[in-house]
Amino acid sequence: MPDRRKREPPRAYEREAGERRPARPDEAPVRRQAAPDFTQAARQRARKRRRHRRHVLVFFYSFLFLAVLGAAVVLSLTVLFKITDVDVAGSSRYSQEQIVEASGIRTGDNLFRFRTGQAAETIRQKLPYLGTVRVSRKFPARVLISVQEEKIWGAVKTGGRYVILGESGRALESAPSPPKNCTELRGLSVKEAKVGSAVKFADTDQLELCKSIMGAIQKSGVAKVTAVDFSQKARIRFVYDGRVTVDLGVPTDLDYKLAFAKSLLKNNIKPTEKGTLNLSVASSTNRAYFDPDYGAGSSQAAGK
């Protein structure tokens, strides 16, 4: 038969005194907690260690790269790439020694311790007749200066002197008289002219007019142009060989008019004749008129 005796409740013990005490009815039996999972924590610690190691390696290699790069830069600017030759290509009125001296570049200098653009501009300022200047590095230790002389438009009289005007509009020189075989540009009012810098005119339209006319004359190949008169914008004239005044009229159809004038001056007008060649209506009539100095009624007409 089953044991019907009343079961004794669980015994409880005080930890400090070690004495037994009866368990209270509301006190549940103490159950053992499951052991913590140390595997998850170990994985997290391992991941942290790997991240830390990667960061350390990245920092180390970055520092090493910067150190090597810095050392290379220092060597390049102090020990390596010493200039051994400074050469000049192109012809001009200036000697090679003058151009090299104006550049400020010396043999023994470092190839990277100057700016090519600034060196070129310095040369143009000191030697105004050079229109195009290019400075380039040629490894391992050479510098090449390429130059091209600027075309001259002519000489403009201002303040008792003559300013030599280049095709870029810069003042190339200030002289007491126009150089030999230099075209005199008349009717232009100069406001400011500093050698090596752009000439400033009182009338801003004069510069564009001058560019247009002188560019067309040089393009046409008409030589021996003694003077060009810009005093009347609607009546542009130039003097050929000091003896024939060519009247172009308004500054339109310049290529046609100048080609016509070139042909007449070469084939129809004698080398000893003086007078006025009128091409002001040549664009519409295909005709030009030459009026010799020796008689007002003996003008000649030429067609094209």
Protein backbone atom coordinates (compact mmCIF):
# COMPACT_ATOMS: atom_id res chain seq x y z
CA MET A 1 0.00 0.00 0.00
CA PRO A 2 1.21 3.51 -0.69
CA ASP A 3 2.82 5.34 2.10
CA ARG A 4 0.21 7.80 3.35
CA ARG A 5 2.50 9.48 5.79
CA LYS A 6 2.76 13.28 5.52
CA ARG A 7 5.86 14.21 3.53
CA GLU A 8 8.41 16.44 5.20
CA PRO A 9 8.91 19.78 3.43
CA PRO A 10 12.38 20.56 1.95
CA ARG A 11 14.97 21.52 4.48
CA ALA A 12 16.57 24.95 4.24
CA TYR A 13 19.90 26.01 5.67
CA GLU A 14 21.21 29.41 6.55
CA ARG A 15 24.49 29.99 4.68
CA GLU A 16 26.13 32.06 7.39
CA ALA A 17 25.09 30.01 10.43
CA GLY A 18 24.88 26.67 8.71
CA GLU A 19 21.78 25.89 10.72
CA ARG A 20 18.79 24.19 9.38
CA ARG A 21 15.54 26.07 9.19
CA PRO A 22 12.12 25.07 7.90
CA ALA A 23 11.37 26.27 4.39
CA ARG A 24 8.63 28.79 4.00
CA PRO A 25 5.58 27.69 2.03
CA ASP A 26 6.12 30.49 -0.53
CA GLU A 27 9.81 29.71 -1.02
CA ALA A 28 10.42 27.82 -4.27
CA PRO A 29 13.19 25.32 -4.49
CA VAL A 30 16.44 26.79 -5.79
CA ARG A 31 17.21 25.56 -9.25
CA ARG A 32 20.69 25.57 -10.76
CA GLN A 33 21.17 28.14 -13.54
CA ALA A 34 22.59 27.09 -16.83
CA ALA A 35 26.31 27.79 -17.31
CA PRO A 36 26.99 30.95 -19.43
CA ASP A 37 27.89 30.47 -23.11
CA PHE A 38 31.56 31.43 -23.29
CA THR A 39 31.82 30.54 -27.02
CA GLN A 40 29.92 33.68 -28.16
CA ALA A 41 32.09 35.98 -26.02
CA ALA A 42 35.26 34.37 -27.35
CA ARG A 43 34.17 34.96 -30.92
CA GLN A 44 33.49 38.63 -30.23
CA ARG A 45 36.90 39.04 -28.60
CA ALA A 46 38.56 37.40 -31.60
CA ARG A 47 36.76 39.72 -34.01
CA LYS A 48 37.88 42.75 -32.01
CA ARG A 49 41.47 41.54 -32.05
CA ARG A 50 41.38 41.07 -35.82
CA ARG A 51 39.93 44.56 -36.39
CA HIS A 52 42.53 46.10 -34.15
CA ARG A 53 45.31 44.26 -35.97
CA ARG A 54 44.01 45.49 -39.34
CA HIS A 55 43.89 49.08 -38.12
CA VAL A 56 47.44 48.84 -36.84
CA LEU A 57 48.68 47.43 -40.16
CA VAL A 58 46.87 50.11 -42.18
CA PHE A 59 48.36 52.84 -40.02
CA PHE A 60 51.84 51.29 -40.23
CA TYR A 61 51.85 50.91 -44.02
CA SER A 62 50.36 54.39 -44.52
CA PHE A 63 53.06 55.89 -42.34
CA LEU A 64 55.72 53.90 -44.20
CA PHE A 65 54.40 55.06 -47.59
CA LEU A 66 54.35 58.71 -46.52
CA ALA A 67 57.84 58.43 -45.10
CA VAL A 68 59.21 56.95 -48.33
CA LEU A 69 57.35 59.55 -50.41
CA GLY A 70 58.66 62.38 -48.26
CA ALA A 71 62.20 61.06 -48.54
CA ALA A 72 61.85 60.86 -52.33
CA VAL A 73 60.59 64.45 -52.52
CA VAL A 74 63.41 65.72 -50.33
CA LEU A 75 66.01 63.89 -52.43
CA SER A 76 64.45 65.19 -55.65
CA LEU A 77 64.59 68.79 -54.41
CA THR A 78 68.08 68.64 -52.89
CA VAL A 79 70.31 65.95 -54.33
CA LEU A 80 68.77 64.58 -57.53
CA PHE A 81 67.75 66.31 -60.84
CA LYS A 82 70.40 69.00 -60.91
CA ILE A 83 70.19 71.05 -64.13
CA THR A 84 73.16 70.43 -66.39
CA ASP A 85 72.07 72.29 -69.56
CA VAL A 86 69.78 75.21 -70.44
CA ASP A 87 69.20 75.29 -74.22
CA VAL A 88 67.39 77.81 -76.43
CA ALA A 89 65.50 76.91 -79.61
CA GLY A 90 64.29 79.48 -82.15
CA SER A 91 65.78 82.63 -83.64
CA SER A 92 65.41 86.20 -82.42
CA ARG A 93 67.33 89.42 -82.06
CA TYR A 94 68.43 88.28 -78.60
CA SER A 95 71.39 85.97 -78.02
CA GLN A 96 71.07 82.64 -76.24
CA GLU A 97 73.00 84.05 -73.30
CA GLN A 98 70.56 86.98 -72.97
CA ILE A 99 67.55 84.65 -72.98
CA VAL A 100 69.04 82.27 -70.41
CA GLU A 101 70.05 85.20 -68.22
CA ALA A 102 66.51 86.65 -68.37
CA SER A 103 64.98 83.31 -67.39
CA GLY A 104 66.80 83.20 -64.06
CA ILE A 105 67.45 79.47 -64.53
CA ARG A 106 71.00 78.34 -63.78
CA THR A 107 72.92 75.11 -64.20
CA GLY A 108 73.14 73.37 -60.85
CA ASP A 109 69.64 74.46 -59.86
CA ASN A 110 67.03 71.81 -59.18
CA LEU A 111 64.85 70.85 -62.11
CA PHE A 112 61.65 71.17 -60.04
CA ARG A 113 62.32 74.31 -58.05
CA PHE A 114 60.94 76.77 -60.61
CA ARG A 115 57.65 77.27 -62.46
CA THR A 116 57.87 76.99 -66.21
CA GLY A 117 55.01 79.44 -66.84
CA GLN A 118 56.45 82.06 -64.52
CA ALA A 119 59.91 81.70 -66.10
CA ALA A 120 58.41 82.20 -69.59
CA GLU A 121 56.52 85.33 -68.49
CA THR A 122 59.68 86.73 -66.88
CA ILE A 123 61.56 86.31 -70.17
CA ARG A 124 58.77 88.08 -72.12
CA GLN A 125 58.80 90.99 -69.66
CA LYS A 126 62.57 91.43 -69.84
CA LEU A 127 62.87 90.76 -73.57
CA PRO A 128 59.69 92.28 -75.08
CA TYR A 129 60.44 91.42 -78.72
CA LEU A 130 59.88 87.74 -77.88
CA GLY A 131 56.22 87.04 -78.61
CA THR A 132 56.05 83.34 -77.82
CA VAL A 133 58.13 81.76 -75.04
CA ARG A 134 57.82 78.19 -73.78
CA VAL A 135 59.95 76.70 -71.00
CA SER A 136 59.92 72.92 -70.61
CA ARG A 137 61.75 70.32 -68.53
CA LYS A 138 63.65 67.61 -70.37
CA PHE A 139 64.55 64.71 -68.10
CA PRO A 140 66.79 63.88 -66.49
CA ALA A 141 68.54 67.25 -66.16
CA ARG A 142 67.88 69.63 -69.07
CA VAL A 143 65.74 72.74 -69.63
CA LEU A 144 64.60 73.85 -73.09
CA ILE A 145 63.49 77.44 -73.83
CA SER A 146 61.63 77.76 -77.14
CA VAL A 147 61.18 81.32 -78.46
CA GLN A 148 59.57 83.06 -81.40
CA GLU A 149 59.95 86.76 -82.14
CA GLU A 150 56.80 88.85 -82.24
CA LYS A 151 55.73 90.48 -85.47
CA ILE A 152 55.87 94.28 -85.46
CA TRP A 153 52.88 96.33 -86.53
CA GLY A 154 54.66 99.65 -86.51
CA ALA A 155 55.64 102.74 -84.54
CA VAL A 156 53.16 105.09 -82.85
CA LYS A 157 54.25 108.62 -82.01
CA THR A 158 53.43 109.73 -78.46
CA GLY A 159 54.99 112.40 -76.27
CA GLY A 160 57.82 113.16 -78.68
CA ARG A 161 58.88 109.51 -78.90
CA TYR A 162 57.82 106.46 -80.85
CA VAL A 163 56.38 103.34 -79.24
CA ILE A 164 57.05 100.16 -81.22
CA LEU A 165 53.78 98.21 -81.26
CA GLY A 166 53.74 94.41 -81.60
CA GLU A 167 50.96 92.23 -82.99
CA SER A 168 49.88 91.32 -79.47
CA GLY A 169 49.24 94.99 -78.73
CA ARG A 170 52.24 95.24 -76.39
CA ALA A 171 54.80 98.05 -76.36
CA LEU A 172 58.05 96.43 -77.50
CA GLU A 173 60.29 99.48 -77.31
CA SER A 174 60.32 103.25 -76.86
CA ALA A 175 62.59 105.06 -79.36
CA PRO A 176 63.27 108.68 -80.37
CA SER A 177 62.50 107.81 -84.02
CA PRO A 178 60.96 104.88 -85.89
CA PRO A 179 63.43 102.07 -86.63
CA LYS A 180 64.50 101.55 -90.22
CA ASN A 181 61.82 99.95 -92.43
CA CYS A 182 59.26 100.22 -89.60
CA THR A 183 55.72 101.26 -90.54
CA GLU A 184 54.53 104.49 -88.95
CA LEU A 185 51.04 104.18 -87.47
CA ARG A 186 49.32 107.56 -87.69
CA GLY A 187 46.08 108.79 -86.16
CA LEU A 188 46.30 106.65 -83.00
CA SER A 189 46.01 108.34 -79.61
CA VAL A 190 48.07 106.56 -76.93
CA LYS A 191 46.95 106.90 -73.32
CA GLU A 192 49.62 104.75 -71.66
CA ALA A 193 52.54 102.75 -73.06
CA LYS A 194 54.80 100.75 -70.77
CA VAL A 195 57.44 98.60 -72.45
CA GLY A 196 56.52 94.93 -72.07
CA SER A 197 52.85 95.64 -71.35
CA ALA A 198 49.76 96.21 -73.49
CA VAL A 199 49.41 99.72 -74.92
CA LYS A 200 46.31 101.59 -73.72
CA PHE A 201 44.62 103.86 -76.27
CA ALA A 202 42.39 106.84 -75.53
CA ASP A 203 39.80 105.31 -77.88
CA THR A 204 39.39 101.62 -77.08
CA ASP A 205 38.12 100.92 -80.62
CA GLN A 206 41.46 101.94 -82.09
CA LEU A 207 43.20 98.80 -80.88
CA GLU A 208 40.68 96.51 -82.59
CA LEU A 209 40.83 98.61 -85.77
CA CYS A 210 44.61 98.45 -85.73
CA LYS A 211 44.55 94.67 -85.27
CA SER A 212 42.14 94.26 -88.17
CA ILE A 213 44.03 96.47 -90.65
CA MET A 214 47.59 95.45 -89.79
CA GLY A 215 46.65 91.78 -89.65
CA ALA A 216 45.11 91.99 -93.13
CA ILE A 217 48.11 93.87 -94.56
CA GLN A 218 50.59 91.34 -93.20
CA LYS A 219 48.43 88.45 -94.40
CA SER A 220 48.21 89.92 -97.92
CA GLY A 221 51.97 90.08 -98.32
CA VAL A 222 51.99 93.73 -99.39
CA ALA A 223 55.50 94.86 -98.56
CA LYS A 224 57.16 98.27 -98.25
CA VAL A 225 54.26 99.78 -96.26
CA THR A 226 55.72 103.09 -95.09
CA ALA A 227 52.75 104.36 -93.07
CA VAL A 228 49.12 103.58 -92.21
CA ASP A 229 46.62 106.33 -91.42
CA PHE A 230 43.86 105.51 -88.88
CA SER A 231 42.68 109.09 -88.35
CA GLN A 232 39.39 108.44 -90.26
CA LYS A 233 37.72 105.13 -89.41
CA ALA A 234 35.69 105.19 -92.64
CA ARG A 235 38.70 105.99 -94.83
CA ILE A 236 41.72 103.82 -94.09
CA ARG A 237 44.80 104.71 -96.11
CA PHE A 238 48.37 103.45 -96.25
CA VAL A 239 51.51 104.63 -98.05
CA TYR A 240 53.35 102.16 -100.26
CA ASP A 241 57.11 102.57 -100.67
CA GLY A 242 56.86 106.24 -99.64
CA ARG A 243 55.32 107.23 -103.00
CA VAL A 244 51.83 105.71 -103.53
CA THR A 245 48.92 106.41 -101.18
CA VAL A 246 46.46 103.50 -101.22
CA ASP A 247 42.89 104.43 -100.21
CA LEU A 248 41.00 101.38 -98.91
CA GLY A 249 37.87 103.30 -97.89
CA VAL A 250 35.80 101.61 -95.20
CA PRO A 251 37.59 98.66 -93.53
CA THR A 252 35.54 95.93 -95.23
CA ASP A 253 36.51 93.29 -97.83
CA LEU A 254 40.12 93.94 -96.91
CA ASP A 255 41.47 90.68 -98.33
CA TYR A 256 39.98 91.46 -101.76
CA LYS A 257 41.09 95.10 -101.79
CA LEU A 258 44.63 94.33 -100.67
CA ALA A 259 45.05 91.50 -103.19
CA PHE A 260 43.85 93.90 -105.91
CA ALA A 261 46.27 96.60 -104.71
CA LYS A 262 49.17 94.14 -104.58
CA SER A 263 48.58 93.11 -108.18
CA LEU A 264 48.34 96.71 -109.43
CA LEU A 265 51.42 97.87 -107.53
CA LYS A 266 53.41 95.00 -109.01
CA ASN A 267 52.16 94.92 -112.59
CA ASN A 268 50.50 98.24 -113.50
CA ILE A 269 52.09 101.07 -111.53
CA LYS A 270 55.66 101.83 -112.49
CA PRO A 271 58.34 101.71 -109.75
CA THR A 272 59.05 105.41 -110.31
CA GLU A 273 55.44 106.64 -110.25
CA LYS A 274 53.88 108.56 -107.40
CA GLY A 275 50.22 109.17 -106.75
CA THR A 276 47.04 107.84 -105.14
CA LEU A 277 45.51 104.40 -105.74
CA ASN A 278 41.80 104.46 -104.88
CA LEU A 279 40.20 101.12 -104.01
CA SER A 280 37.33 102.51 -101.90
CA VAL A 281 34.67 101.20 -104.34
CA ALA A 282 36.55 98.17 -105.62
CA SER A 283 34.30 95.73 -103.73
CA SER A 284 31.18 96.82 -105.62
CA THR A 285 32.62 97.84 -109.01
CA ASN A 286 35.70 95.63 -109.37
CA ARG A 287 37.57 98.77 -110.39
CA ALA A 288 40.41 100.80 -108.89
CA TYR A 289 41.65 104.25 -109.89
CA PHE A 290 45.23 105.53 -109.91
CA ASP A 291 45.79 109.27 -109.91
CA PRO A 292 49.44 110.18 -110.61
CA ASP A 293 50.90 113.24 -108.93
CA TYR A 294 51.91 114.92 -112.20
CA GLY A 295 48.36 115.80 -113.33
CA ALA A 296 44.90 115.96 -111.82
CA GLY A 297 43.22 115.07 -115.09
CA SER A 298 45.32 112.08 -116.00
CA SER A 299 43.91 109.48 -113.62
CA GLN A 300 44.01 105.86 -114.76
CA ALA A 301 41.32 103.25 -114.15
CA ALA A 302 42.05 99.56 -113.77
CA GLY A 303 39.57 96.72 -113.70
CA LYS A 304 39.81 93.27 -112.27
